[in-house]
Every structure is written in structure tokens, then in C-alpha cells.
Amino acid sequence: MASPCPLSLLLLVIALASALHPPQQVFAVKPMPRLRTDSMILQNSIIQKINANPNAGWKASMNSRFENYTIGQFKHILGVKPMPHNEVMDIPTKTYTKSLKLPKQFDARTAWPQCSTIGRILDQGHCGSCWAFGAVESLSDRFCVHFGMNISLSVNDLLSCCGFMCGDGCDGGYPIRAWRYFVENGVVTDECDPYFDDIGCAHPGCVPLYPTPQCAKKCQVKNLLWDESKHFAVNAYRVKSDPPAIMTEVYTNGPVEVSFTVYEDFAHYKSGVYKHLTGDEIGGHAVKLIGWGTSDEGEDYWLLANQWNRGWGDDGYFKISRGTNECGIEEDVVAGMPASKNLIVDYTTSDPKAAASA
């Protein structure tokens, strides 16, 4: 009897295999929801929604600072990392009794008019260095408030030389650790070690993203010495998450660094008292708190200086709702006192209470 054709046998085997193991149907897997990082951060729909809301309390606009930014690029400059809970518990917390009579309005710029640094608006460029700016700016102001010295301290020193102790440089850091760096290592002046990103974000899309600068420990000005340019803090502490305590701290000692959660709508802030109304959470940001007040509509607010240059917000400043812990603004307030170490002090007299109440 002739043997069956090899091709027939092969087809028979394939048919049997298909019957026993039918092919599996492939389904397209829907990706997990995630931030639309490639979309532009500024959106007409957000502006229209806010400006059409009579109860919004603030106005939105196409801020020129972020006209070329995607959500991903905007997220990168929000450089506050969340602190591990066990470490938060170990940070000294400053509290105040409510015996001090505080003014209804306070602006550190007018309380200490001799301190030019308080009114400066800086630009962090496209580096996630807000955690460093908020700390350095506040300490600079406090050297003037307490020692009568108008000095600008170096963000670059803190950003590049603090290393892993503070976080990841341009990829984010921890505000309280910045203040600890001031205590342990001090910080040089901006004249000695100026900020590395002098281009800012004028170029389209802010590309390329610059890496964290290297720690040189050498002044760029030849007649200045690194160690002699160091300015120190006495301590590093949190302020109790209570509006009167925060107000007393600023009124008594000068501006503080605060962190808060940023949502998409914040990028569009132009004026008024900000409250989160729409858009997704983007990240954590740190700024300098310089005062408080109440709007004509009766809304209590905090007054803050951002470091996104003057093309953003209300000439670089913004107000945010006070007393409701809006976006966590009252949860993470950090500061420290300036030290006389390494200083030749020229004391000047100032009466912040008189100026603040004027």
C-alpha cells in the first residue's frame, strides 16, 4: 500500500493542532491614564472657563513665560520633592502664641524698604530649582532684615554643591534640606557663583534641558575667595501650619519659603486671589511668601514672589487664598535665622512694625 503524501500529512497535523489550540484573539490594551505631557500647558479652554466664572476670584491669561511649554516641560520646573514622613517628624517646628497684634495687611517690601532683595523677581530658567530659589531668596532677605546687609546669595552654590543631601539638583529637591545646607556649609554670594542658566526660557520650548551644574567651589570673580564668601544660617525649622503662626514668623523675621501643589490652571494665573478651579495636578513648587492681606471682595490672601520672571502672573507675584490651606500652601513653611558667622556687620535701624502698619 502506498504511503500517504507527506504534504497531506503536514496539513492534517496543522488542522489537528488548530482544533486543539485555537488561535488567541489579540485585544488592544488601553493605556493607563497619565498626564498629557506632550500637550501645551497653556490652553484657551482653561482661560475661558476661569474668566467666565464670576466667583473665580482671579483672572487667567496666556502668560508669555510659558507660551512654548508642553505640560511635560512645565512639570520639570516644579522641583519640590515630597519629604519622607519619618523625616518630617524630626524637623523642629516653630510655634507662636497669639498674643502679638498683627496688621490686617502686610508687605515685606514696604516693611523693610531698605532691603532691595525682597522686591526682586528672579528666573529659575528651565531647571527644577524652585526649592533652591525659595530658600536662597528668603535667607538673602533675612540678612538685610536682621543685619542691614543687602546681599544676593547664590542659588548655584546650593544647587550644585548640596548634592544628594538636598535631592537631585535640577531634577528637584527638598526645601528644608536647603536650609540645613545653610547651617552646615553656608552659601556664597551670587557675585561669587552666579546662576548657571542665564538664557532663561526665551528660546522656543526651552530645549535642551541643562543638567545640574558641577560644584566648582571657586568664585568666578578673581578677587573673591569661596570660603570668605560663605554666609550661614543659625538653624533650620518648619513653621506651624497655622495662619497666625506663619504671619507672626514673616512679620517678626522676614520672608519664608513655602511649598504647594500646582495644577494646570496655575500656569495661567494673571491677577486676583488664586484658588484651584480646573485642570490636573502637575507637581510641587516652592516660592517666597512676603505678606498677606484681604481683597476688595473680602477674600483673605497670601502674597508671594515667584521665580518665573515678570512675564508670568502679576508682574512675577501672585496671591493665593489664605486660611483654607489652598493647594497645601500652609502645610510646608520652612525658614531659618541668618548667622553672624563670617560677617562684618553694618547694623542699621529699622522698625518693621511701624512700616507694616502704615
Protein backbone atom coordinates (compact mmCIF):
# COMPACT_ATOMS: atom_id res chain seq x y z
CA MET A 1 0.00 0.00 0.00
CA ALA A 2 1.40 3.35 -0.97
CA SER A 3 2.36 5.71 1.89
CA PRO A 4 0.29 8.89 2.18
CA CYS A 5 1.66 12.10 0.63
CA PRO A 6 3.94 14.00 3.07
CA LEU A 7 2.10 17.25 2.24
CA SER A 8 -1.25 15.68 3.18
CA LEU A 9 0.19 14.51 6.49
CA LEU A 10 1.52 18.01 7.22
CA LEU A 11 -1.85 19.62 6.51
CA LEU A 12 -3.56 17.04 8.71
CA VAL A 13 -1.19 17.79 11.62
CA ILE A 14 -1.77 21.54 11.26
CA ALA A 15 -5.55 21.07 11.19
CA LEU A 16 -5.48 18.90 14.33
CA ALA A 17 -3.25 21.39 16.12
CA SER A 18 -5.55 24.27 15.21
CA ALA A 19 -8.55 22.38 16.50
CA LEU A 20 -6.88 21.56 19.81
CA HIS A 21 -5.28 25.03 20.27
CA PRO A 22 -7.38 27.69 18.57
CA PRO A 23 -5.52 30.95 17.95
CA GLN A 24 -5.93 33.52 20.78
CA GLN A 25 -7.66 36.76 19.93
CA VAL A 26 -5.48 39.80 20.48
CA PHE A 27 -7.08 42.87 22.07
CA ALA A 28 -5.62 46.40 22.07
CA VAL A 29 -4.71 47.29 25.65
CA LYS A 30 -5.95 50.68 26.75
CA PRO A 31 -3.03 52.58 28.32
CA MET A 32 -3.25 53.67 31.95
CA PRO A 33 -4.42 57.25 32.39
CA ARG A 34 -1.46 59.59 32.54
CA LEU A 35 -0.61 63.26 32.25
CA ARG A 36 -0.76 64.58 28.69
CA THR A 37 2.91 65.53 28.76
CA ASP A 38 3.13 66.44 25.06
CA SER A 39 0.16 68.84 25.16
CA MET A 40 0.79 72.56 25.59
CA ILE A 41 0.41 73.80 29.15
CA LEU A 42 -1.44 76.99 28.13
CA GLN A 43 -4.97 76.23 26.99
CA ASN A 44 -7.68 78.60 25.80
CA SER A 45 -10.34 76.35 27.33
CA ILE A 46 -8.90 76.87 30.82
CA ILE A 47 -8.69 80.64 30.36
CA GLN A 48 -12.27 80.84 29.11
CA LYS A 49 -13.58 78.66 31.94
CA ILE A 50 -11.93 80.75 34.66
CA ASN A 51 -12.64 84.19 33.20
CA ALA A 52 -16.29 83.27 32.60
CA ASN A 53 -16.73 82.27 36.25
CA PRO A 54 -17.98 85.27 38.25
CA ASN A 55 -16.98 83.55 41.51
CA ALA A 56 -13.46 82.57 40.45
CA GLY A 57 -11.82 85.47 42.28
CA TRP A 58 -8.91 85.59 39.82
CA LYS A 59 -8.15 86.17 36.15
CA ALA A 60 -6.30 83.89 33.72
CA SER A 61 -4.27 84.72 30.62
CA MET A 62 -1.80 83.32 28.11
CA ASN A 63 1.31 84.09 30.18
CA SER A 64 4.21 84.73 27.81
CA ARG A 65 6.56 82.87 30.16
CA PHE A 66 5.08 79.53 29.10
CA GLU A 67 3.96 80.18 25.53
CA ASN A 68 6.20 77.40 24.15
CA TYR A 69 5.87 74.94 27.03
CA THR A 70 4.41 71.46 26.98
CA ILE A 71 2.91 70.05 30.17
CA GLY A 72 5.99 67.85 30.50
CA GLN A 73 8.35 70.84 30.33
CA PHE A 74 6.23 72.75 32.82
CA LYS A 75 6.25 69.76 35.17
CA HIS A 76 10.07 69.66 35.06
CA ILE A 77 10.44 73.10 36.65
CA LEU A 78 8.18 72.14 39.57
CA GLY A 79 11.05 70.77 41.61
CA VAL A 80 9.75 70.14 45.13
CA LYS A 81 10.11 66.52 46.18
CA PRO A 82 7.78 65.16 48.90
CA MET A 83 9.57 64.67 52.20
CA PRO A 84 9.63 61.17 53.73
CA HIS A 85 7.12 61.16 56.60
CA ASN A 86 9.65 59.93 59.18
CA GLU A 87 11.97 62.81 58.34
CA VAL A 88 9.18 65.39 58.60
CA MET A 89 8.57 64.27 62.18
CA ASP A 90 12.20 65.06 63.08
CA ILE A 91 12.15 68.68 61.85
CA PRO A 92 11.89 71.30 64.63
CA THR A 93 8.60 73.20 64.41
CA LYS A 94 8.33 76.83 65.46
CA THR A 95 5.10 77.86 67.16
CA TYR A 96 3.81 81.20 68.43
CA THR A 97 1.30 82.32 70.98
CA LYS A 98 -1.46 84.53 69.57
CA SER A 99 -0.59 87.47 71.82
CA LEU A 100 1.08 89.55 69.07
CA LYS A 101 -1.25 92.03 67.38
CA LEU A 102 -0.81 91.56 63.64
CA PRO A 103 -1.79 94.10 60.96
CA LYS A 104 -4.59 93.23 58.56
CA GLN A 105 -2.24 93.86 55.63
CA PHE A 106 1.49 93.28 55.47
CA ASP A 107 4.04 93.55 52.67
CA ALA A 108 7.69 92.85 53.44
CA ARG A 109 8.74 95.16 50.59
CA THR A 110 7.31 98.18 52.40
CA ALA A 111 8.05 96.90 55.91
CA TRP A 112 11.77 96.80 55.09
CA PRO A 113 12.14 99.30 52.19
CA GLN A 114 15.92 99.32 52.60
CA CYS A 115 16.04 95.64 51.58
CA SER A 116 16.15 95.64 47.78
CA THR A 117 16.33 91.84 47.52
CA ILE A 118 12.77 91.43 48.85
CA GLY A 119 11.33 93.06 45.73
CA ARG A 120 13.44 91.20 43.18
CA ILE A 121 11.78 88.73 40.80
CA LEU A 122 14.20 86.10 39.51
CA ASP A 123 14.03 83.41 36.82
CA GLN A 124 14.85 79.77 37.50
CA GLY A 125 15.03 79.12 33.76
CA HIS A 126 14.27 75.56 32.75
CA CYS A 127 15.86 73.90 35.79
CA GLY A 128 13.70 72.36 38.54
CA SER A 129 15.43 74.55 41.10
CA CYS A 130 12.45 76.27 42.76
CA TRP A 131 13.35 74.56 46.06
CA ALA A 132 16.73 76.31 45.96
CA PHE A 133 15.42 79.71 44.83
CA GLY A 134 12.80 79.93 47.57
CA ALA A 135 15.42 79.17 50.23
CA VAL A 136 18.22 81.41 48.93
CA GLU A 137 15.91 84.37 48.32
CA SER A 138 14.38 84.15 51.80
CA LEU A 139 17.77 83.89 53.52
CA SER A 140 19.11 86.82 51.47
CA ASP A 141 16.17 88.92 52.64
CA ARG A 142 16.71 87.91 56.25
CA PHE A 143 20.34 89.05 56.20
CA CYS A 144 19.01 92.50 55.37
CA VAL A 145 16.15 92.38 57.89
CA HIS A 146 18.41 91.34 60.77
CA PHE A 147 21.87 92.66 59.82
CA GLY A 148 21.12 95.52 57.42
CA MET A 149 23.01 93.80 54.58
CA ASN A 150 21.75 93.90 51.00
CA ILE A 151 23.31 90.74 49.59
CA SER A 152 22.19 88.29 46.96
CA LEU A 153 23.17 84.75 47.84
CA SER A 154 23.99 82.04 45.31
CA VAL A 155 21.37 79.60 44.08
CA ASN A 156 24.14 77.96 42.08
CA ASP A 157 26.17 77.06 45.19
CA LEU A 158 23.16 75.36 46.81
CA LEU A 159 22.00 73.71 43.58
CA SER A 160 25.35 72.25 42.56
CA CYS A 161 27.17 71.66 45.85
CA CYS A 162 24.47 70.32 48.18
CA GLY A 163 24.34 67.10 46.15
CA PHE A 164 22.18 64.14 47.16
CA MET A 165 21.66 65.64 50.62
CA CYS A 166 19.27 68.15 49.02
CA GLY A 167 17.87 65.89 46.30
CA ASP A 168 18.63 65.86 42.59
CA GLY A 169 19.58 69.41 41.68
CA CYS A 170 17.72 70.49 38.53
CA ASP A 171 15.53 67.41 38.85
CA GLY A 172 14.13 68.57 42.18
CA GLY A 173 14.99 68.85 45.86
CA TYR A 174 13.78 69.26 49.44
CA PRO A 175 13.35 72.83 50.78
CA ILE A 176 14.13 72.02 54.44
CA ARG A 177 17.38 70.35 53.41
CA ALA A 178 18.40 73.55 51.62
CA TRP A 179 18.16 75.38 54.94
CA ARG A 180 20.18 72.63 56.63
CA TYR A 181 22.86 73.19 53.98
CA PHE A 182 22.98 76.85 55.01
CA VAL A 183 23.58 75.79 58.62
CA GLU A 184 26.26 73.18 57.88
CA ASN A 185 28.02 74.59 54.81
CA GLY A 186 26.89 78.16 54.31
CA VAL A 187 26.21 79.67 50.90
CA VAL A 188 28.36 82.07 48.89
CA THR A 189 27.17 85.27 47.23
CA ASP A 190 25.69 85.37 43.74
CA GLU A 191 28.62 87.58 42.73
CA CYS A 192 30.99 84.74 43.62
CA ASP A 193 28.94 81.97 41.96
CA PRO A 194 26.21 83.31 39.64
CA TYR A 195 23.31 81.21 38.42
CA PHE A 196 24.31 78.96 35.52
CA ASP A 197 21.20 79.35 33.36
CA ASP A 198 21.48 82.92 32.13
CA ILE A 199 19.46 82.18 28.99
CA GLY A 200 16.28 81.57 30.94
CA CYS A 201 13.39 80.32 28.85
CA ALA A 202 13.27 82.78 25.98
CA HIS A 203 14.23 80.14 23.44
CA PRO A 204 11.40 78.03 21.98
CA GLY A 205 10.49 75.04 24.10
CA CYS A 206 13.47 75.58 26.43
CA VAL A 207 15.47 72.82 24.75
CA PRO A 208 17.90 71.38 25.57
CA LEU A 209 17.29 70.86 29.28
CA TYR A 210 20.52 71.74 31.00
CA PRO A 211 21.95 69.27 33.52
CA THR A 212 22.69 70.33 37.10
CA PRO A 213 25.89 72.42 37.11
CA GLN A 214 29.07 70.98 38.57
CA CYS A 215 30.19 72.12 42.04
CA ALA A 216 33.34 74.17 41.41
CA LYS A 217 33.88 75.69 44.90
CA LYS A 218 35.67 78.59 43.26
CA CYS A 219 34.47 82.16 42.81
CA GLN A 220 34.12 83.36 39.24
CA VAL A 221 35.33 86.79 40.32
CA LYS A 222 39.10 86.60 40.81
CA ASN A 223 39.36 88.82 43.89
CA LEU A 224 36.73 86.82 45.84
CA LEU A 225 37.53 83.73 47.89
CA TRP A 226 34.99 80.89 48.22
CA ASP A 227 35.29 80.33 51.97
CA GLU A 228 35.25 84.05 52.77
CA SER A 229 32.10 84.50 50.65
CA LYS A 230 30.10 81.98 52.68
CA HIS A 231 27.04 83.15 54.64
CA PHE A 232 25.44 80.85 57.19
CA ALA A 233 22.13 80.18 58.92
CA VAL A 234 21.82 79.53 62.65
CA ASN A 235 19.08 76.92 62.30
CA ALA A 236 16.52 75.30 60.01
CA TYR A 237 12.91 74.82 61.06
CA ARG A 238 9.31 74.45 59.98
CA VAL A 239 6.65 76.94 60.99
CA LYS A 240 3.45 75.55 62.46
CA SER A 241 0.77 75.04 59.80
CA ASP A 242 -1.40 77.78 61.21
CA PRO A 243 -2.01 81.17 59.50
CA PRO A 244 -1.37 83.33 62.62
CA ALA A 245 1.92 81.46 63.25
CA ILE A 246 3.04 81.94 59.65
CA MET A 247 2.07 85.61 59.75
CA THR A 248 3.98 86.16 63.01
CA GLU A 249 7.07 84.49 61.60
CA VAL A 250 7.08 86.70 58.50
CA TYR A 251 6.22 89.85 60.48
CA THR A 252 8.99 89.18 63.00
CA ASN A 253 11.80 87.63 60.96
CA GLY A 254 11.15 88.25 57.27
CA PRO A 255 10.07 86.20 54.22
CA VAL A 256 9.77 82.41 54.39
CA GLU A 257 9.88 79.59 51.85
CA VAL A 258 6.62 77.76 51.17
CA SER A 259 5.74 74.75 49.03
CA PHE A 260 2.40 73.91 47.44
CA THR A 261 0.74 71.70 44.83
CA VAL A 262 0.49 73.15 41.32
CA TYR A 263 -2.37 72.35 38.94
CA GLU A 264 -2.72 73.17 35.25
CA ASP A 265 -4.74 76.31 35.88
CA PHE A 266 -1.97 77.93 37.96
CA ALA A 267 0.20 78.35 34.84
CA HIS A 268 -2.49 80.75 33.56
CA TYR A 269 -2.66 83.00 36.66
CA LYS A 270 -2.67 86.73 35.89
CA SER A 271 -4.24 88.58 38.83
CA GLY A 272 -6.59 88.23 41.79
CA VAL A 273 -6.65 85.66 44.59
CA TYR A 274 -5.84 82.23 43.19
CA LYS A 275 -7.86 79.13 44.06
CA HIS A 276 -7.57 75.87 42.13
CA LEU A 277 -10.58 75.56 39.83
CA THR A 278 -9.72 73.24 36.95
CA GLY A 279 -7.03 71.01 35.44
CA ASP A 280 -4.88 68.12 36.60
CA GLU A 281 -2.24 68.08 39.33
CA ILE A 282 1.23 68.70 37.86
CA GLY A 283 3.75 68.80 40.73
CA GLY A 284 5.16 70.59 43.77
CA HIS A 285 6.56 74.13 43.67
CA ALA A 286 8.42 76.36 46.15
CA VAL A 287 8.25 80.16 46.34
CA LYS A 288 8.84 83.05 48.75
CA LEU A 289 5.99 84.30 50.95
CA ILE A 290 6.31 88.03 51.66
CA GLY A 291 2.98 89.13 53.10
CA TRP A 292 -0.80 88.92 53.34
CA GLY A 293 -3.96 90.96 53.06
CA THR A 294 -7.64 90.96 52.15
CA SER A 295 -9.01 91.74 48.69
CA ASP A 296 -11.72 94.32 47.97
CA GLU A 297 -14.13 91.39 47.70
CA GLY A 298 -13.26 90.28 51.24
CA GLU A 299 -11.03 87.34 50.29
CA ASP A 300 -8.07 86.76 52.64
CA TYR A 301 -4.84 86.06 50.75
CA TRP A 302 -1.14 85.37 51.00
CA LEU A 303 1.24 87.49 48.88
CA LEU A 304 4.09 85.58 47.23
CA ALA A 305 7.02 86.18 44.89
CA ASN A 306 7.54 83.56 42.19
CA GLN A 307 10.76 82.97 40.23
CA TRP A 308 9.28 82.76 36.73
CA ASN A 309 10.36 86.29 35.77
CA ARG A 310 7.95 89.20 35.32
CA GLY A 311 6.25 87.79 32.22
CA TRP A 312 4.21 85.47 34.43
CA GLY A 313 1.41 86.39 36.82
CA ASP A 314 1.03 89.84 38.34
CA ASP A 315 4.48 91.16 37.36
CA GLY A 316 6.02 87.99 38.81
CA TYR A 317 3.91 87.94 42.01
CA PHE A 318 0.72 86.13 42.92
CA LYS A 319 -1.90 85.97 45.65
CA ILE A 320 -3.44 82.76 46.93
CA SER A 321 -6.34 82.13 49.29
CA ARG A 322 -5.33 82.39 52.98
CA GLY A 323 -6.74 80.39 55.88
CA THR A 324 -8.02 77.42 53.86
CA ASN A 325 -4.68 75.69 53.17
CA GLU A 326 -5.29 76.18 49.46
CA CYS A 327 -3.17 73.68 47.48
CA GLY A 328 -1.31 72.88 50.72
CA ILE A 329 0.22 76.39 50.90
CA GLU A 330 0.11 76.43 54.72
CA GLU A 331 1.45 72.90 55.26
CA ASP A 332 5.13 73.22 54.39
CA VAL A 333 6.55 76.54 55.56
CA VAL A 334 10.30 76.49 56.24
CA ALA A 335 12.89 79.04 57.26
CA GLY A 336 15.98 79.70 59.36
CA MET A 337 17.72 82.61 61.03
CA PRO A 338 20.80 84.25 59.48
CA ALA A 339 24.08 83.82 61.35
CA SER A 340 26.70 86.49 62.10
CA LYS A 341 29.45 83.95 61.34
CA ASN A 342 31.86 85.20 58.67
CA LEU A 343 30.26 88.67 58.65
CA ILE A 344 31.48 92.20 59.01
CA VAL A 345 28.13 93.62 60.08
CA ASP A 346 26.95 97.17 59.45
CA TYR A 347 23.85 97.35 61.65
CA THR A 348 21.06 99.66 60.54
CA THR A 349 17.98 100.57 62.44
CA SER A 350 14.60 99.61 61.07
CA ASP A 351 11.14 99.43 62.53
CA PRO A 352 9.20 96.83 60.54
CA LYS A 353 6.09 97.11 62.73
CA ALA A 354 5.73 100.83 62.06
CA ALA A 355 6.25 100.40 58.32
CA ALA A 356 3.98 97.39 58.08
CA SER A 357 1.09 99.13 59.78
CA ALA A 358 1.40 102.34 57.78
